[in-house]
Amino acid sequence: QVQLVESGGGLGQSGGSLILSCAVSISIFSVEAWGWHRQAPGKQRELVAVITSGGSTNYADSVTDRFTISRDNAKNTVYLQMNILESEDTAVYYCAARVGFNLWAYWGQGTRVTVSS
């Protein structure tokens, strides 16, 4: 059974930083890509950052130049460094594993981020 466990959420201040971690129970290289998604209150879930097994990254326009996705292969952990936080970043953040084209098969339980202004 594949497990993804997020941590690091909480209260952040506008303009500040937070880092989220996602500990996974399988090798980082076992899936096509890892991603961070978020769901804000009353909104649909959106993909904010992706890192492929080859190390390529991609970001939603709303977080480009502010968020950085990375991984520690030895620790089987994926990170999301969030800088210059904005109130619009308030959401539940989910780590997920992509196993095929747009197929996000495994999900964590989510970690809540609240940004105060």
N, C-alpha and C. Protein backbone atom coordinates (compact mmCIF):
# COMPACT_ATOMS: atom_id res chain seq x y z
N GLN A 1 0.85 -1.19 0.00
CA GLN A 1 0.00 0.00 0.00
C GLN A 1 0.89 1.24 0.00
N VAL A 2 0.64 2.12 -0.93
CA VAL A 2 1.43 3.34 -1.04
C VAL A 2 0.89 4.37 -0.06
N GLN A 3 1.79 4.94 0.73
CA GLN A 3 1.39 5.96 1.70
C GLN A 3 2.14 7.25 1.45
N LEU A 4 1.41 8.35 1.54
CA LEU A 4 1.98 9.68 1.43
C LEU A 4 1.53 10.46 2.66
N VAL A 5 2.46 11.02 3.40
CA VAL A 5 2.13 11.72 4.62
C VAL A 5 2.69 13.13 4.56
N GLU A 6 1.80 14.10 4.51
CA GLU A 6 2.22 15.50 4.46
C GLU A 6 2.40 16.05 5.87
N SER A 7 3.27 17.04 5.96
CA SER A 7 3.47 17.77 7.21
C SER A 7 3.98 19.17 6.88
N GLY A 8 3.94 20.03 7.89
CA GLY A 8 4.50 21.37 7.71
C GLY A 8 3.50 22.46 7.49
N GLY A 9 2.24 22.13 7.39
CA GLY A 9 1.24 23.18 7.23
C GLY A 9 1.04 23.94 8.52
N GLY A 10 0.18 24.93 8.45
CA GLY A 10 -0.08 25.74 9.63
C GLY A 10 -0.37 27.17 9.25
N LEU A 11 -0.08 28.05 10.18
CA LEU A 11 -0.36 29.47 9.96
C LEU A 11 0.89 30.19 9.48
N GLY A 12 0.75 30.89 8.37
CA GLY A 12 1.84 31.69 7.84
C GLY A 12 1.40 33.13 7.69
N GLN A 13 2.35 34.01 7.64
CA GLN A 13 2.03 35.43 7.48
C GLN A 13 2.23 35.86 6.04
N SER A 14 1.44 36.80 5.61
CA SER A 14 1.60 37.34 4.27
C SER A 14 3.02 37.85 4.09
N GLY A 15 3.65 37.42 3.01
CA GLY A 15 5.04 37.77 2.76
C GLY A 15 6.04 36.81 3.37
N GLY A 16 5.57 35.90 4.18
CA GLY A 16 6.44 34.96 4.86
C GLY A 16 6.64 33.67 4.08
N SER A 17 7.17 32.67 4.77
CA SER A 17 7.49 31.39 4.12
C SER A 17 7.01 30.22 4.97
N LEU A 18 6.74 29.13 4.28
CA LEU A 18 6.46 27.85 4.90
C LEU A 18 7.05 26.77 4.01
N ILE A 19 7.37 25.63 4.61
CA ILE A 19 7.82 24.51 3.81
C ILE A 19 6.97 23.29 4.16
N LEU A 20 6.45 22.63 3.15
CA LEU A 20 5.67 21.42 3.32
C LEU A 20 6.53 20.22 2.96
N SER A 21 6.32 19.13 3.66
CA SER A 21 7.03 17.89 3.38
C SER A 21 6.02 16.78 3.09
N CYS A 22 6.43 15.84 2.25
CA CYS A 22 5.60 14.69 1.92
C CYS A 22 6.49 13.45 1.97
N ALA A 23 6.34 12.67 3.01
CA ALA A 23 7.09 11.44 3.15
C ALA A 23 6.32 10.32 2.45
N VAL A 24 7.00 9.61 1.55
CA VAL A 24 6.32 8.58 0.77
C VAL A 24 6.91 7.21 1.08
N SER A 25 6.10 6.19 0.91
CA SER A 25 6.49 4.85 1.32
C SER A 25 7.13 4.04 0.20
N ILE A 26 7.33 4.68 -0.94
CA ILE A 26 7.96 3.99 -2.07
C ILE A 26 9.12 4.83 -2.59
N SER A 27 9.90 4.25 -3.45
CA SER A 27 11.00 5.00 -4.05
C SER A 27 10.47 6.19 -4.85
N ILE A 28 11.17 7.29 -4.72
CA ILE A 28 10.82 8.49 -5.48
C ILE A 28 10.74 8.19 -6.97
N PHE A 29 11.53 7.22 -7.44
CA PHE A 29 11.62 6.94 -8.87
C PHE A 29 10.59 5.90 -9.33
N SER A 30 9.70 5.49 -8.42
CA SER A 30 8.71 4.46 -8.74
C SER A 30 7.54 4.98 -9.56
N VAL A 31 7.38 6.30 -9.59
CA VAL A 31 6.24 6.87 -10.31
C VAL A 31 6.75 7.88 -11.33
N GLU A 32 5.85 8.31 -12.17
CA GLU A 32 6.21 9.22 -13.24
C GLU A 32 6.55 10.61 -12.70
N ALA A 33 5.79 11.05 -11.71
CA ALA A 33 6.02 12.38 -11.17
C ALA A 33 5.35 12.51 -9.81
N TRP A 34 5.78 13.52 -9.07
CA TRP A 34 5.17 13.89 -7.79
C TRP A 34 4.64 15.32 -7.93
N GLY A 35 3.52 15.55 -7.26
CA GLY A 35 2.95 16.89 -7.37
C GLY A 35 2.34 17.36 -6.07
N TRP A 36 2.23 18.66 -5.98
CA TRP A 36 1.49 19.30 -4.90
C TRP A 36 0.25 19.95 -5.51
N HIS A 37 -0.88 19.61 -4.97
CA HIS A 37 -2.15 20.20 -5.36
C HIS A 37 -2.69 20.99 -4.17
N ARG A 38 -3.62 21.88 -4.42
CA ARG A 38 -4.26 22.57 -3.30
C ARG A 38 -5.72 22.82 -3.60
N GLN A 39 -6.49 22.91 -2.53
CA GLN A 39 -7.91 23.21 -2.66
C GLN A 39 -8.28 24.29 -1.66
N ALA A 40 -8.61 25.44 -2.18
CA ALA A 40 -9.03 26.55 -1.34
C ALA A 40 -10.53 26.43 -1.07
N PRO A 41 -11.00 27.05 0.00
CA PRO A 41 -12.43 26.98 0.33
C PRO A 41 -13.30 27.45 -0.83
N GLY A 42 -14.25 26.62 -1.22
CA GLY A 42 -15.18 26.99 -2.28
C GLY A 42 -14.61 26.91 -3.68
N LYS A 43 -13.40 26.37 -3.82
CA LYS A 43 -12.77 26.30 -5.14
C LYS A 43 -12.40 24.87 -5.48
N GLN A 44 -12.16 24.65 -6.77
CA GLN A 44 -11.74 23.33 -7.21
C GLN A 44 -10.27 23.10 -6.86
N ARG A 45 -9.92 21.85 -6.73
CA ARG A 45 -8.53 21.49 -6.48
C ARG A 45 -7.70 21.87 -7.70
N GLU A 46 -6.52 22.43 -7.47
CA GLU A 46 -5.64 22.81 -8.56
C GLU A 46 -4.24 22.26 -8.32
N LEU A 47 -3.57 21.98 -9.41
CA LEU A 47 -2.19 21.51 -9.37
C LEU A 47 -1.28 22.73 -9.32
N VAL A 48 -0.39 22.78 -8.35
CA VAL A 48 0.47 23.96 -8.22
C VAL A 48 1.92 23.70 -8.58
N ALA A 49 2.39 22.45 -8.41
CA ALA A 49 3.79 22.17 -8.71
C ALA A 49 3.98 20.69 -8.99
N VAL A 50 4.87 20.41 -9.93
CA VAL A 50 5.16 19.02 -10.31
C VAL A 50 6.67 18.84 -10.44
N ILE A 51 7.16 17.69 -10.03
CA ILE A 51 8.53 17.31 -10.29
C ILE A 51 8.51 15.89 -10.85
N THR A 52 9.13 15.70 -12.01
CA THR A 52 9.11 14.40 -12.65
C THR A 52 10.23 13.51 -12.10
N SER A 53 10.19 12.26 -12.48
CA SER A 53 11.24 11.34 -12.05
C SER A 53 12.60 11.77 -12.59
N GLY A 54 12.59 12.49 -13.69
CA GLY A 54 13.84 13.00 -14.26
C GLY A 54 14.30 14.30 -13.64
N GLY A 55 13.47 14.88 -12.78
CA GLY A 55 13.87 16.10 -12.10
C GLY A 55 13.33 17.38 -12.70
N SER A 56 12.57 17.29 -13.77
CA SER A 56 11.98 18.49 -14.36
C SER A 56 10.85 19.00 -13.47
N THR A 57 10.72 20.32 -13.43
CA THR A 57 9.67 20.92 -12.59
C THR A 57 8.76 21.81 -13.42
N ASN A 58 7.55 21.98 -12.92
CA ASN A 58 6.59 22.84 -13.58
C ASN A 58 5.68 23.43 -12.50
N TYR A 59 5.24 24.66 -12.74
CA TYR A 59 4.46 25.37 -11.72
C TYR A 59 3.24 26.05 -12.33
N ALA A 60 2.23 26.19 -11.50
CA ALA A 60 1.08 27.01 -11.90
C ALA A 60 1.54 28.47 -11.95
N ASP A 61 0.92 29.24 -12.82
CA ASP A 61 1.30 30.65 -12.97
C ASP A 61 1.20 31.40 -11.64
N SER A 62 0.23 31.03 -10.83
CA SER A 62 -0.03 31.76 -9.58
C SER A 62 1.08 31.59 -8.55
N VAL A 63 1.93 30.59 -8.71
CA VAL A 63 2.98 30.34 -7.72
C VAL A 63 4.38 30.42 -8.31
N THR A 64 4.49 30.59 -9.60
CA THR A 64 5.81 30.68 -10.23
C THR A 64 6.62 31.80 -9.59
N ASP A 65 7.88 31.51 -9.36
CA ASP A 65 8.84 32.45 -8.73
C ASP A 65 8.61 32.62 -7.24
N ARG A 66 7.61 31.92 -6.68
CA ARG A 66 7.39 31.97 -5.23
C ARG A 66 7.52 30.60 -4.58
N PHE A 67 7.08 29.56 -5.26
CA PHE A 67 7.12 28.20 -4.73
C PHE A 67 8.19 27.40 -5.44
N THR A 68 8.79 26.45 -4.71
CA THR A 68 9.78 25.55 -5.29
C THR A 68 9.49 24.13 -4.82
N ILE A 69 9.35 23.23 -5.78
CA ILE A 69 9.19 21.81 -5.45
C ILE A 69 10.55 21.13 -5.57
N SER A 70 10.83 20.25 -4.63
CA SER A 70 12.11 19.53 -4.66
C SER A 70 11.91 18.17 -4.02
N ARG A 71 12.95 17.37 -4.04
CA ARG A 71 12.84 16.04 -3.45
C ARG A 71 14.16 15.63 -2.87
N ASP A 72 14.10 14.74 -1.89
CA ASP A 72 15.29 14.11 -1.32
C ASP A 72 15.14 12.62 -1.61
N ASN A 73 15.90 12.15 -2.58
CA ASN A 73 15.73 10.76 -3.02
C ASN A 73 16.06 9.77 -1.91
N ALA A 74 17.05 10.08 -1.12
CA ALA A 74 17.47 9.16 -0.06
C ALA A 74 16.42 9.06 1.04
N LYS A 75 15.72 10.16 1.27
CA LYS A 75 14.71 10.18 2.33
C LYS A 75 13.31 9.88 1.82
N ASN A 76 13.17 9.67 0.50
CA ASN A 76 11.85 9.45 -0.10
C ASN A 76 10.87 10.53 0.33
N THR A 77 11.30 11.75 0.20
CA THR A 77 10.49 12.89 0.64
C THR A 77 10.44 13.95 -0.46
N VAL A 78 9.27 14.52 -0.62
CA VAL A 78 9.05 15.61 -1.58
C VAL A 78 8.70 16.86 -0.78
N TYR A 79 9.23 17.99 -1.21
CA TYR A 79 9.04 19.24 -0.48
C TYR A 79 8.35 20.30 -1.34
N LEU A 80 7.72 21.23 -0.67
CA LEU A 80 7.23 22.42 -1.34
C LEU A 80 7.62 23.62 -0.49
N GLN A 81 8.60 24.36 -0.97
CA GLN A 81 9.03 25.59 -0.31
C GLN A 81 8.13 26.72 -0.82
N MET A 82 7.44 27.37 0.09
CA MET A 82 6.51 28.42 -0.28
C MET A 82 7.02 29.74 0.28
N ASN A 83 7.35 30.66 -0.59
CA ASN A 83 7.85 31.98 -0.20
C ASN A 83 6.88 33.07 -0.63
N ILE A 84 7.06 34.22 -0.07
CA ILE A 84 6.22 35.40 -0.39
C ILE A 84 4.75 34.99 -0.36
N LEU A 85 4.35 34.41 0.76
CA LEU A 85 2.99 33.90 0.89
C LEU A 85 1.97 35.02 0.69
N GLU A 86 0.85 34.63 0.08
CA GLU A 86 -0.27 35.54 -0.13
C GLU A 86 -1.52 34.92 0.49
N SER A 87 -2.49 35.75 0.79
CA SER A 87 -3.72 35.23 1.39
C SER A 87 -4.38 34.21 0.46
N GLU A 88 -4.18 34.38 -0.85
CA GLU A 88 -4.77 33.45 -1.82
C GLU A 88 -4.13 32.05 -1.77
N ASP A 89 -3.02 31.92 -1.03
CA ASP A 89 -2.39 30.61 -0.87
C ASP A 89 -3.07 29.78 0.20
N THR A 90 -3.99 30.37 0.93
CA THR A 90 -4.73 29.63 1.95
C THR A 90 -5.51 28.49 1.31
N ALA A 91 -5.21 27.26 1.75
CA ALA A 91 -5.82 26.08 1.14
C ALA A 91 -5.37 24.84 1.90
N VAL A 92 -5.98 23.72 1.56
CA VAL A 92 -5.45 22.43 1.99
C VAL A 92 -4.54 21.94 0.86
N TYR A 93 -3.33 21.59 1.22
CA TYR A 93 -2.34 21.15 0.25
C TYR A 93 -2.19 19.63 0.30
N TYR A 94 -2.20 19.03 -0.88
CA TYR A 94 -2.12 17.59 -1.01
C TYR A 94 -0.91 17.20 -1.84
N CYS A 95 -0.21 16.21 -1.38
CA CYS A 95 0.86 15.58 -2.14
C CYS A 95 0.25 14.41 -2.91
N ALA A 96 0.72 14.19 -4.14
CA ALA A 96 0.16 13.11 -4.93
C ALA A 96 1.20 12.54 -5.87
N ALA A 97 0.97 11.31 -6.30
CA ALA A 97 1.88 10.62 -7.22
C ALA A 97 1.18 10.39 -8.56
N ARG A 98 1.86 10.76 -9.62
CA ARG A 98 1.32 10.56 -10.97
C ARG A 98 1.91 9.30 -11.58
N VAL A 99 1.02 8.41 -12.04
CA VAL A 99 1.50 7.13 -12.57
C VAL A 99 1.27 7.02 -14.07
N GLY A 100 0.61 7.97 -14.66
CA GLY A 100 0.36 7.97 -16.09
C GLY A 100 -0.12 9.34 -16.50
N PHE A 101 -0.50 9.47 -17.76
CA PHE A 101 -0.92 10.77 -18.25
C PHE A 101 -2.08 11.31 -17.42
N ASN A 102 -1.81 12.38 -16.69
CA ASN A 102 -2.81 13.03 -15.86
C ASN A 102 -3.51 12.06 -14.90
N LEU A 103 -2.85 11.00 -14.54
CA LEU A 103 -3.42 10.01 -13.63
C LEU A 103 -2.72 10.09 -12.29
N TRP A 104 -3.33 10.81 -11.38
CA TRP A 104 -2.80 10.96 -10.02
C TRP A 104 -3.43 9.86 -9.16
N ALA A 105 -2.65 8.81 -8.93
CA ALA A 105 -3.23 7.60 -8.35
C ALA A 105 -3.16 7.55 -6.83
N TYR A 106 -2.18 8.21 -6.26
CA TYR A 106 -1.98 8.13 -4.82
C TYR A 106 -1.96 9.54 -4.23
N TRP A 107 -2.64 9.66 -3.07
CA TRP A 107 -2.80 10.97 -2.45
C TRP A 107 -2.50 10.91 -0.96
N GLY A 108 -1.99 11.99 -0.43
CA GLY A 108 -1.87 12.12 1.00
C GLY A 108 -3.18 12.63 1.58
N GLN A 109 -3.18 12.81 2.89
CA GLN A 109 -4.39 13.21 3.58
C GLN A 109 -4.60 14.72 3.56
N GLY A 110 -3.56 15.45 3.18
CA GLY A 110 -3.65 16.90 3.10
C GLY A 110 -3.15 17.58 4.35
N THR A 111 -2.63 18.78 4.15
CA THR A 111 -2.19 19.61 5.27
C THR A 111 -2.68 21.03 5.02
N ARG A 112 -3.23 21.63 6.04
CA ARG A 112 -3.88 22.94 5.87
C ARG A 112 -2.87 24.06 6.04
N VAL A 113 -2.94 25.00 5.13
CA VAL A 113 -2.12 26.22 5.20
C VAL A 113 -3.06 27.42 5.25
N THR A 114 -2.84 28.25 6.25
CA THR A 114 -3.63 29.48 6.39
C THR A 114 -2.68 30.66 6.42
N VAL A 115 -2.90 31.59 5.52
CA VAL A 115 -2.03 32.77 5.43
C VAL A 115 -2.80 33.98 5.94
N SER A 116 -2.24 34.60 6.96
CA SER A 116 -2.88 35.79 7.53
C SER A 116 -2.22 37.04 6.97
N SER A 117 -3.03 38.08 6.78
CA SER A 117 -2.51 39.32 6.17
C SER A 117 -2.05 40.32 7.20
